[in-house]
PDB file of all heavy atoms in Angstrom:
ATOM      1  N   PHE A   1      11.418   6.941  -1.508  1.00  0.00           N
ATOM      2  CA  PHE A   1      10.655   6.141  -2.463  1.00  0.00           C
ATOM      3  C   PHE A   1       9.744   7.069  -3.256  1.00  0.00           C
ATOM      4  O   PHE A   1       8.985   7.849  -2.674  1.00  0.00           O
ATOM      5  CB  PHE A   1       9.835   5.087  -1.712  1.00  0.00           C
ATOM      6  CG  PHE A   1       8.934   4.270  -2.589  1.00  0.00           C
ATOM      7  CD1 PHE A   1       9.430   3.198  -3.303  1.00  0.00           C
ATOM      8  CD2 PHE A   1       7.578   4.573  -2.688  1.00  0.00           C
ATOM      9  CE1 PHE A   1       8.596   2.435  -4.118  1.00  0.00           C
ATOM     10  CE2 PHE A   1       6.740   3.816  -3.485  1.00  0.00           C
ATOM     11  CZ  PHE A   1       7.246   2.748  -4.205  1.00  0.00           C
ATOM     12  N   GLU A   2       9.833   6.979  -4.556  1.00  0.00           N
ATOM     13  CA  GLU A   2       9.018   7.848  -5.411  1.00  0.00           C
ATOM     14  C   GLU A   2       7.645   7.224  -5.608  1.00  0.00           C
ATOM     15  O   GLU A   2       7.367   6.548  -6.585  1.00  0.00           O
ATOM     16  CB  GLU A   2       9.722   8.080  -6.754  1.00  0.00           C
ATOM     17  CG  GLU A   2      11.038   8.810  -6.659  1.00  0.00           C
ATOM     18  CD  GLU A   2      10.897  10.197  -6.026  1.00  0.00           C
ATOM     19  OE1 GLU A   2       9.828  10.828  -6.192  1.00  0.00           O
ATOM     20  OE2 GLU A   2      11.850  10.638  -5.362  1.00  0.00           O
ATOM     21  N   GLY A   3       6.790   7.469  -4.660  1.00  0.00           N
ATOM     22  CA  GLY A   3       5.438   6.923  -4.724  1.00  0.00           C
ATOM     23  C   GLY A   3       4.761   7.058  -3.380  1.00  0.00           C
ATOM     24  O   GLY A   3       5.374   7.456  -2.386  1.00  0.00           O
ATOM     25  N   SER A   4       3.490   6.729  -3.335  1.00  0.00           N
ATOM     26  CA  SER A   4       2.706   6.857  -2.111  1.00  0.00           C
ATOM     27  C   SER A   4       2.937   5.668  -1.183  1.00  0.00           C
ATOM     28  O   SER A   4       3.565   4.675  -1.557  1.00  0.00           O
ATOM     29  CB  SER A   4       1.221   6.956  -2.454  1.00  0.00           C
ATOM     30  OG  SER A   4       0.762   5.715  -2.977  1.00  0.00           O
ATOM     31  N   GLU A   5       2.393   5.779   0.029  1.00  0.00           N
ATOM     32  CA  GLU A   5       2.467   4.672   0.976  1.00  0.00           C
ATOM     33  C   GLU A   5       1.744   3.454   0.429  1.00  0.00           C
ATOM     34  O   GLU A   5       2.206   2.322   0.591  1.00  0.00           O
ATOM     35  CB  GLU A   5       1.854   5.103   2.320  1.00  0.00           C
ATOM     36  CG  GLU A   5       1.907   4.032   3.398  1.00  0.00           C
ATOM     37  CD  GLU A   5       3.241   3.956   4.121  1.00  0.00           C
ATOM     38  OE1 GLU A   5       4.251   4.444   3.569  1.00  0.00           O
ATOM     39  OE2 GLU A   5       3.272   3.386   5.218  1.00  0.00           O
ATOM     40  N   VAL A   6       0.613   3.654  -0.231  1.00  0.00           N
ATOM     41  CA  VAL A   6      -0.121   2.528  -0.824  1.00  0.00           C
ATOM     42  C   VAL A   6       0.727   1.860  -1.898  1.00  0.00           C
ATOM     43  O   VAL A   6       0.821   0.618  -1.961  1.00  0.00           O
ATOM     44  CB  VAL A   6      -1.463   3.005  -1.423  1.00  0.00           C
ATOM     45  CG1 VAL A   6      -2.134   1.878  -2.205  1.00  0.00           C
ATOM     46  CG2 VAL A   6      -2.397   3.493  -0.315  1.00  0.00           C
ATOM     47  N   GLU A   7       1.363   2.660  -2.733  1.00  0.00           N
ATOM     48  CA  GLU A   7       2.211   2.098  -3.798  1.00  0.00           C
ATOM     49  C   GLU A   7       3.408   1.367  -3.203  1.00  0.00           C
ATOM     50  O   GLU A   7       3.797   0.298  -3.693  1.00  0.00           O
ATOM     51  CB  GLU A   7       2.676   3.213  -4.731  1.00  0.00           C
ATOM     52  CG  GLU A   7       1.554   3.790  -5.571  1.00  0.00           C
ATOM     53  CD  GLU A   7       1.983   5.032  -6.339  1.00  0.00           C
ATOM     54  OE1 GLU A   7       2.804   5.814  -5.810  1.00  0.00           O
ATOM     55  OE2 GLU A   7       1.491   5.226  -7.463  1.00  0.00           O
ATOM     56  N   TYR A   8       3.988   1.927  -2.170  1.00  0.00           N
ATOM     57  CA  TYR A   8       5.139   1.276  -1.532  1.00  0.00           C
ATOM     58  C   TYR A   8       4.761  -0.086  -0.965  1.00  0.00           C
ATOM     59  O   TYR A   8       5.413  -1.094  -1.236  1.00  0.00           O
ATOM     60  CB  TYR A   8       5.703   2.167  -0.429  1.00  0.00           C
ATOM     61  CG  TYR A   8       6.629   1.453   0.529  1.00  0.00           C
ATOM     62  CD1 TYR A   8       7.865   0.981   0.098  1.00  0.00           C
ATOM     63  CD2 TYR A   8       6.257   1.232   1.856  1.00  0.00           C
ATOM     64  CE1 TYR A   8       8.717   0.309   0.966  1.00  0.00           C
ATOM     65  CE2 TYR A   8       7.100   0.571   2.728  1.00  0.00           C
ATOM     66  CZ  TYR A   8       8.322   0.108   2.278  1.00  0.00           C
ATOM     67  OH  TYR A   8       9.155  -0.560   3.146  1.00  0.00           O
ATOM     68  N   LEU A   9       3.694  -0.133  -0.184  1.00  0.00           N
ATOM     69  CA  LEU A   9       3.315  -1.387   0.462  1.00  0.00           C
ATOM     70  C   LEU A   9       2.811  -2.417  -0.545  1.00  0.00           C
ATOM     71  O   LEU A   9       2.995  -3.624  -0.352  1.00  0.00           O
ATOM     72  CB  LEU A   9       2.251  -1.130   1.531  1.00  0.00           C
ATOM     73  CG  LEU A   9       2.736  -0.380   2.776  1.00  0.00           C
ATOM     74  CD1 LEU A   9       1.572  -0.038   3.694  1.00  0.00           C
ATOM     75  CD2 LEU A   9       3.784  -1.194   3.529  1.00  0.00           C
ATOM     76  N   SER A  10       2.199  -1.965  -1.625  1.00  0.00           N
ATOM     77  CA  SER A  10       1.694  -2.910  -2.617  1.00  0.00           C
ATOM     78  C   SER A  10       2.791  -3.383  -3.567  1.00  0.00           C
ATOM     79  O   SER A  10       2.912  -4.580  -3.848  1.00  0.00           O
ATOM     80  CB  SER A  10       0.533  -2.284  -3.406  1.00  0.00           C
ATOM     81  OG  SER A  10       0.942  -1.095  -4.045  1.00  0.00           O
ATOM     82  N   LYS A  11       3.635  -2.451  -4.028  1.00  0.00           N
ATOM     83  CA  LYS A  11       4.673  -2.823  -4.987  1.00  0.00           C
ATOM     84  C   LYS A  11       5.869  -3.494  -4.326  1.00  0.00           C
ATOM     85  O   LYS A  11       6.370  -4.507  -4.806  1.00  0.00           O
ATOM     86  CB  LYS A  11       5.140  -1.580  -5.757  1.00  0.00           C
ATOM     87  CG  LYS A  11       4.098  -1.001  -6.695  1.00  0.00           C
ATOM     88  CD  LYS A  11       4.636   0.233  -7.422  1.00  0.00           C
ATOM     89  CE  LYS A  11       3.611   0.806  -8.378  1.00  0.00           C
ATOM     90  NZ  LYS A  11       4.128   2.023  -9.076  1.00  0.00           N
ATOM     91  N   VAL A  12       6.341  -2.918  -3.240  1.00  0.00           N
ATOM     92  CA  VAL A  12       7.557  -3.428  -2.603  1.00  0.00           C
ATOM     93  C   VAL A  12       7.259  -4.594  -1.682  1.00  0.00           C
ATOM     94  O   VAL A  12       7.999  -5.578  -1.639  1.00  0.00           O
ATOM     95  CB  VAL A  12       8.274  -2.299  -1.822  1.00  0.00           C
ATOM     96  CG1 VAL A  12       9.508  -2.829  -1.105  1.00  0.00           C
ATOM     97  CG2 VAL A  12       8.661  -1.161  -2.771  1.00  0.00           C
ATOM     98  N   LYS A  13       6.166  -4.500  -0.924  1.00  0.00           N
ATOM     99  CA  LYS A  13       5.829  -5.543   0.035  1.00  0.00           C
ATOM    100  C   LYS A  13       4.880  -6.593  -0.521  1.00  0.00           C
ATOM    101  O   LYS A  13       4.617  -7.605   0.133  1.00  0.00           O
ATOM    102  CB  LYS A  13       5.212  -4.911   1.290  1.00  0.00           C
ATOM    103  CG  LYS A  13       6.159  -3.981   2.042  1.00  0.00           C
ATOM    104  CD  LYS A  13       7.346  -4.726   2.613  1.00  0.00           C
ATOM    105  CE  LYS A  13       8.224  -3.825   3.461  1.00  0.00           C
ATOM    106  NZ  LYS A  13       9.385  -4.548   4.018  1.00  0.00           N
ATOM    107  N   GLY A  14       4.362  -6.358  -1.736  1.00  0.00           N
ATOM    108  CA  GLY A  14       3.512  -7.354  -2.378  1.00  0.00           C
ATOM    109  C   GLY A  14       2.118  -7.473  -1.787  1.00  0.00           C
ATOM    110  O   GLY A  14       1.474  -8.520  -1.914  1.00  0.00           O
ATOM    111  N   MET A  15       1.637  -6.409  -1.151  1.00  0.00           N
ATOM    112  CA  MET A  15       0.319  -6.440  -0.535  1.00  0.00           C
ATOM    113  C   MET A  15      -0.737  -5.948  -1.525  1.00  0.00           C
ATOM    114  O   MET A  15      -0.458  -5.151  -2.415  1.00  0.00           O
ATOM    115  CB  MET A  15       0.311  -5.583   0.729  1.00  0.00           C
ATOM    116  CG  MET A  15       1.325  -6.020   1.771  1.00  0.00           C
ATOM    117  SD  MET A  15       1.464  -4.875   3.178  1.00  0.00           S
ATOM    118  CE  MET A  15      -0.165  -5.085   3.918  1.00  0.00           C
ATOM    119  N   ASP A  16      -1.967  -6.418  -1.370  1.00  0.00           N
ATOM    120  CA  ASP A  16      -3.063  -6.013  -2.233  1.00  0.00           C
ATOM    121  C   ASP A  16      -3.399  -4.541  -1.984  1.00  0.00           C
ATOM    122  O   ASP A  16      -3.605  -4.134  -0.827  1.00  0.00           O
ATOM    123  CB  ASP A  16      -4.289  -6.878  -1.947  1.00  0.00           C
ATOM    124  CG  ASP A  16      -5.482  -6.446  -2.776  1.00  0.00           C
ATOM    125  OD1 ASP A  16      -5.467  -6.664  -3.993  1.00  0.00           O
ATOM    126  OD2 ASP A  16      -6.432  -5.882  -2.188  1.00  0.00           O
ATOM    127  N   PRO A  17      -3.463  -3.714  -3.041  1.00  0.00           N
ATOM    128  CA  PRO A  17      -3.719  -2.285  -2.856  1.00  0.00           C
ATOM    129  C   PRO A  17      -5.005  -1.989  -2.087  1.00  0.00           C
ATOM    130  O   PRO A  17      -5.043  -1.071  -1.263  1.00  0.00           O
ATOM    131  CB  PRO A  17      -3.786  -1.741  -4.286  1.00  0.00           C
ATOM    132  CG  PRO A  17      -2.953  -2.696  -5.081  1.00  0.00           C
ATOM    133  CD  PRO A  17      -3.182  -4.035  -4.458  1.00  0.00           C
ATOM    134  N   ALA A  18      -6.060  -2.756  -2.364  1.00  0.00           N
ATOM    135  CA  ALA A  18      -7.322  -2.539  -1.647  1.00  0.00           C
ATOM    136  C   ALA A  18      -7.156  -2.860  -0.166  1.00  0.00           C
ATOM    137  O   ALA A  18      -7.694  -2.151   0.702  1.00  0.00           O
ATOM    138  CB  ALA A  18      -8.420  -3.401  -2.257  1.00  0.00           C
ATOM    139  N   GLN A  19      -6.401  -3.913   0.122  1.00  0.00           N
ATOM    140  CA  GLN A  19      -6.138  -4.265   1.516  1.00  0.00           C
ATOM    141  C   GLN A  19      -5.321  -3.166   2.199  1.00  0.00           C
ATOM    142  O   GLN A  19      -5.592  -2.801   3.344  1.00  0.00           O
ATOM    143  CB  GLN A  19      -5.385  -5.586   1.591  1.00  0.00           C
ATOM    144  CG  GLN A  19      -5.009  -6.009   3.008  1.00  0.00           C
ATOM    145  CD  GLN A  19      -4.065  -7.205   3.028  1.00  0.00           C
ATOM    146  OE1 GLN A  19      -3.674  -7.722   1.977  1.00  0.00           O
ATOM    147  NE2 GLN A  19      -3.687  -7.640   4.215  1.00  0.00           N
ATOM    148  N   VAL A  20      -4.342  -2.644   1.491  1.00  0.00           N
ATOM    149  CA  VAL A  20      -3.516  -1.574   2.052  1.00  0.00           C
ATOM    150  C   VAL A  20      -4.365  -0.336   2.353  1.00  0.00           C
ATOM    151  O   VAL A  20      -4.255   0.256   3.433  1.00  0.00           O
ATOM    152  CB  VAL A  20      -2.383  -1.196   1.082  1.00  0.00           C
ATOM    153  CG1 VAL A  20      -1.648   0.047   1.578  1.00  0.00           C
ATOM    154  CG2 VAL A  20      -1.403  -2.355   0.931  1.00  0.00           C
ATOM    155  N   SER A  21      -5.227   0.042   1.424  1.00  0.00           N
ATOM    156  CA  SER A  21      -6.074   1.220   1.632  1.00  0.00           C
ATOM    157  C   SER A  21      -6.965   1.047   2.856  1.00  0.00           C
ATOM    158  O   SER A  21      -7.111   1.966   3.674  1.00  0.00           O
ATOM    159  CB  SER A  21      -6.928   1.477   0.390  1.00  0.00           C
ATOM    160  OG  SER A  21      -6.121   1.815  -0.716  1.00  0.00           O
ATOM    161  N   GLY A  22      -7.557  -0.139   2.995  1.00  0.00           N
ATOM    162  CA  GLY A  22      -8.385  -0.406   4.166  1.00  0.00           C
ATOM    163  C   GLY A  22      -7.592  -0.375   5.452  1.00  0.00           C
ATOM    164  O   GLY A  22      -8.059   0.133   6.482  1.00  0.00           O
ATOM    165  N   MET A  23      -6.379  -0.913   5.402  1.00  0.00           N
ATOM    166  CA  MET A  23      -5.510  -0.929   6.565  1.00  0.00           C
ATOM    167  C   MET A  23      -5.133   0.487   6.986  1.00  0.00           C
ATOM    168  O   MET A  23      -5.135   0.821   8.184  1.00  0.00           O
ATOM    169  CB  MET A  23      -4.252  -1.734   6.234  1.00  0.00           C
ATOM    170  CG  MET A  23      -3.305  -1.998   7.371  1.00  0.00           C
ATOM    171  SD  MET A  23      -2.003  -3.142   6.836  1.00  0.00           S
ATOM    172  CE  MET A  23      -1.204  -2.161   5.561  1.00  0.00           C
ATOM    173  N   LEU A  24      -4.843   1.347   6.020  1.00  0.00           N
ATOM    174  CA  LEU A  24      -4.470   2.727   6.332  1.00  0.00           C
ATOM    175  C   LEU A  24      -5.665   3.515   6.869  1.00  0.00           C
ATOM    176  O   LEU A  24      -5.500   4.372   7.740  1.00  0.00           O
ATOM    177  CB  LEU A  24      -3.885   3.410   5.099  1.00  0.00           C
ATOM    178  CG  LEU A  24      -2.574   2.841   4.572  1.00  0.00           C
ATOM    179  CD1 LEU A  24      -2.053   3.661   3.390  1.00  0.00           C
ATOM    180  CD2 LEU A  24      -1.517   2.745   5.660  1.00  0.00           C
ATOM    181  N   GLU A  25      -6.859   3.224   6.378  1.00  0.00           N
ATOM    182  CA  GLU A  25      -8.055   3.872   6.925  1.00  0.00           C
ATOM    183  C   GLU A  25      -8.246   3.483   8.387  1.00  0.00           C
ATOM    184  O   GLU A  25      -8.588   4.323   9.225  1.00  0.00           O
ATOM    185  CB  GLU A  25      -9.280   3.475   6.108  1.00  0.00           C
ATOM    186  CG  GLU A  25      -9.335   4.097   4.723  1.00  0.00           C
ATOM    187  CD  GLU A  25     -10.541   3.626   3.926  1.00  0.00           C
ATOM    188  OE1 GLU A  25     -11.405   2.919   4.511  1.00  0.00           O
ATOM    189  OE2 GLU A  25     -10.632   3.966   2.734  1.00  0.00           O
ATOM    190  N   HIS A  26      -8.009   2.206   8.681  1.00  0.00           N
ATOM    191  CA  HIS A  26      -8.161   1.734  10.058  1.00  0.00           C
ATOM    192  C   HIS A  26      -7.150   2.391  10.986  1.00  0.00           C
ATOM    193  O   HIS A  26      -7.513   2.877  12.066  1.00  0.00           O
ATOM    194  CB  HIS A  26      -7.985   0.211  10.099  1.00  0.00           C
ATOM    195  CG  HIS A  26      -7.921  -0.349  11.484  1.00  0.00           C
ATOM    196  ND1 HIS A  26      -9.008  -0.363  12.340  1.00  0.00           N
ATOM    197  CD2 HIS A  26      -6.887  -0.906  12.185  1.00  0.00           C
ATOM    198  CE1 HIS A  26      -8.656  -0.897  13.498  1.00  0.00           C
ATOM    199  NE2 HIS A  26      -7.382  -1.238  13.433  1.00  0.00           N
TER     200      HIS A  26
END
């Protein structure tokens, strides 16, 4: 996938980017 983990989870999985960033920090 040409993009970051945040981009993948937000674009492909439809998750909120801010939520994804917080989840990855956790």
